[in-house]
């Protein structure tokens, strides 16, 4: 399932911010910082939920073949790659840039989650690559 990071009432303003000077200027605006912190908190909650779901133990029926594992990891790779794309978006970078300039405490939680998403995406990519090499053998086992 694909997730879209929550939108903001300030998306039009965020889309105009591109440079460290822009971030620094907006970091002087207490109301804007507060809105960015609320938005980042929403994003963090969304990401924490996705990470928690991905770390749960899967239960498979006894009759599923090994290719089900490949399908699972492909879906997981798509989910985390989608999240990484959103994190790299200009909107997300603007929120992070403003909050870094404002020396917001919420940045620490964000950095931790960013690293965890990157790790999960890399794990999924590695597993898909590995399982693809075994897939030709799986197809005979699935029958």
Protein backbone atom coordinates (compact mmCIF):
# COMPACT_ATOMS: atom_id res chain seq x y z
CA UNK A 1 0.00 0.00 0.00
CA UNK A 2 1.33 3.39 -0.98
CA UNK A 3 1.37 6.18 1.55
CA UNK A 4 1.21 9.89 0.87
CA UNK A 5 2.76 12.14 3.50
CA UNK A 6 0.17 14.53 4.92
CA UNK A 7 -0.36 17.81 3.04
CA UNK A 8 0.00 21.22 4.66
CA UNK A 9 -1.95 24.46 4.55
CA UNK A 10 1.44 26.01 3.77
CA UNK A 11 2.27 23.87 0.71
CA UNK A 12 2.16 26.94 -1.57
CA UNK A 13 4.67 28.76 0.67
CA UNK A 14 6.82 25.65 1.06
CA UNK A 15 7.05 25.29 -2.73
CA UNK A 16 8.74 28.72 -2.95
CA UNK A 17 11.51 27.85 -0.46
CA UNK A 18 14.63 26.50 -2.13
CA UNK A 19 17.78 27.94 -0.58
CA UNK A 20 19.33 28.06 2.89
CA UNK A 21 18.59 31.81 2.90
CA UNK A 22 14.89 31.07 2.27
CA UNK A 23 14.88 28.58 5.15
CA UNK A 24 16.68 31.03 7.45
CA UNK A 25 14.18 33.78 6.65
CA UNK A 26 11.19 31.54 7.40
CA UNK A 27 12.91 30.25 10.55
CA UNK A 28 12.35 33.76 12.00
CA UNK A 29 8.58 33.29 11.73
CA UNK A 30 7.36 31.57 14.91
CA UNK A 31 3.92 30.71 13.52
CA UNK A 32 5.45 29.15 10.41
CA UNK A 33 7.88 27.11 12.52
CA UNK A 34 4.99 25.88 14.65
CA UNK A 35 3.07 24.81 11.52
CA UNK A 36 6.18 23.04 10.16
CA UNK A 37 6.65 21.22 13.48
CA UNK A 38 3.01 20.06 13.46
CA UNK A 39 3.41 18.85 9.88
CA UNK A 40 6.66 17.04 10.65
CA UNK A 41 4.99 15.42 13.66
CA UNK A 42 2.20 14.12 11.37
CA UNK A 43 4.80 12.78 8.93
CA UNK A 44 6.76 11.11 11.73
CA UNK A 45 3.61 9.40 13.00
CA UNK A 46 2.79 8.17 9.49
CA UNK A 47 6.32 6.85 9.01
CA UNK A 48 6.44 5.23 12.46
CA UNK A 49 3.19 3.41 11.63
CA UNK A 50 4.60 2.14 8.33
CA UNK A 51 7.82 1.01 10.01
CA UNK A 52 5.89 -0.74 12.80
CA UNK A 53 3.69 -2.54 10.27
CA UNK A 54 6.70 -3.60 8.22
CA UNK A 55 8.42 -5.04 11.30
CA UNK A 56 5.45 -7.20 12.31
CA UNK A 57 5.80 -10.93 11.77
CA UNK A 58 3.97 -12.10 8.67
CA UNK A 59 1.75 -15.14 8.79
CA UNK A 60 1.57 -17.11 5.57
CA UNK A 61 -0.71 -19.99 4.71
CA UNK A 62 1.09 -23.33 4.61
CA UNK A 63 0.42 -23.75 0.90
CA UNK A 64 2.08 -20.56 -0.40
CA UNK A 65 5.21 -21.08 -2.41
CA UNK A 66 8.59 -19.38 -2.10
CA UNK A 67 7.66 -16.76 -4.71
CA UNK A 68 5.31 -15.24 -2.10
CA UNK A 69 8.47 -14.07 -0.32
CA UNK A 70 9.62 -12.28 -3.47
CA UNK A 71 6.21 -10.62 -3.83
CA UNK A 72 6.32 -9.49 -0.19
CA UNK A 73 9.75 -7.90 -0.57
CA UNK A 74 8.83 -6.25 -3.88
CA UNK A 75 5.81 -4.63 -2.20
CA UNK A 76 7.94 -3.54 0.72
CA UNK A 77 10.59 -2.11 -1.62
CA UNK A 78 7.89 -0.13 -3.48
CA UNK A 79 6.49 1.25 -0.21
CA UNK A 80 9.85 2.42 1.11
CA UNK A 81 11.09 3.75 -2.24
CA UNK A 82 7.87 5.76 -2.49
CA UNK A 83 8.51 7.19 0.98
CA UNK A 84 12.12 8.03 0.09
CA UNK A 85 10.94 9.89 -3.03
CA UNK A 86 8.57 11.97 -0.92
CA UNK A 87 11.28 12.70 1.65
CA UNK A 88 13.50 14.00 -1.15
CA UNK A 89 10.72 16.25 -2.50
CA UNK A 90 11.19 20.02 -2.38
CA UNK A 91 8.23 20.34 0.03
CA UNK A 92 9.79 17.94 2.51
CA UNK A 93 13.26 19.45 2.12
CA UNK A 94 11.79 22.90 2.79
CA UNK A 95 10.17 21.78 6.07
CA UNK A 96 13.40 20.09 7.16
CA UNK A 97 15.46 23.12 6.08
CA UNK A 98 13.30 25.59 8.00
CA UNK A 99 13.27 23.43 11.13
CA UNK A 100 17.04 22.91 10.95
CA UNK A 101 17.54 26.66 10.60
CA UNK A 102 15.25 27.20 13.60
CA UNK A 103 17.20 24.53 15.53
CA UNK A 104 13.94 22.68 16.21
CA UNK A 105 14.11 19.62 18.46
CA UNK A 106 11.79 17.71 16.11
CA UNK A 107 14.67 17.36 13.62
CA UNK A 108 16.31 14.59 15.72
CA UNK A 109 13.26 12.33 15.49
CA UNK A 110 13.04 13.03 11.75
CA UNK A 111 16.70 12.14 11.13
CA UNK A 112 16.26 8.86 13.00
CA UNK A 113 13.19 7.94 10.93
CA UNK A 114 14.89 9.01 7.70
CA UNK A 115 17.78 6.64 8.48
CA UNK A 116 15.37 3.81 9.36
CA UNK A 117 13.45 4.27 6.10
CA UNK A 118 16.69 4.25 4.13
CA UNK A 119 17.78 1.06 5.91
CA UNK A 120 14.41 -0.61 5.26
CA UNK A 121 14.48 0.40 1.58
CA UNK A 122 18.02 -0.96 1.19
CA UNK A 123 17.10 -4.20 2.97
CA UNK A 124 14.09 -4.68 0.69
CA UNK A 125 16.14 -3.90 -2.43
CA UNK A 126 18.87 -6.36 -1.41
CA UNK A 127 16.31 -9.08 -0.66
CA UNK A 128 14.50 -8.54 -3.96
CA UNK A 129 17.80 -8.74 -5.83
CA UNK A 130 18.75 -11.94 -4.00
CA UNK A 131 15.32 -13.55 -4.36
CA UNK A 132 15.20 -12.73 -8.08
CA UNK A 133 18.34 -14.82 -8.57
CA UNK A 134 16.52 -17.73 -6.92
CA UNK A 135 13.20 -17.11 -8.68
CA UNK A 136 13.88 -19.52 -11.56
CA UNK A 137 14.25 -22.26 -8.96
CA UNK A 138 11.14 -21.09 -7.08
CA UNK A 139 8.93 -21.44 -10.12
CA UNK A 140 9.47 -25.20 -10.18
CA UNK A 141 8.81 -25.44 -6.41
CA UNK A 142 5.60 -23.41 -6.61
CA UNK A 143 4.01 -25.90 -8.98
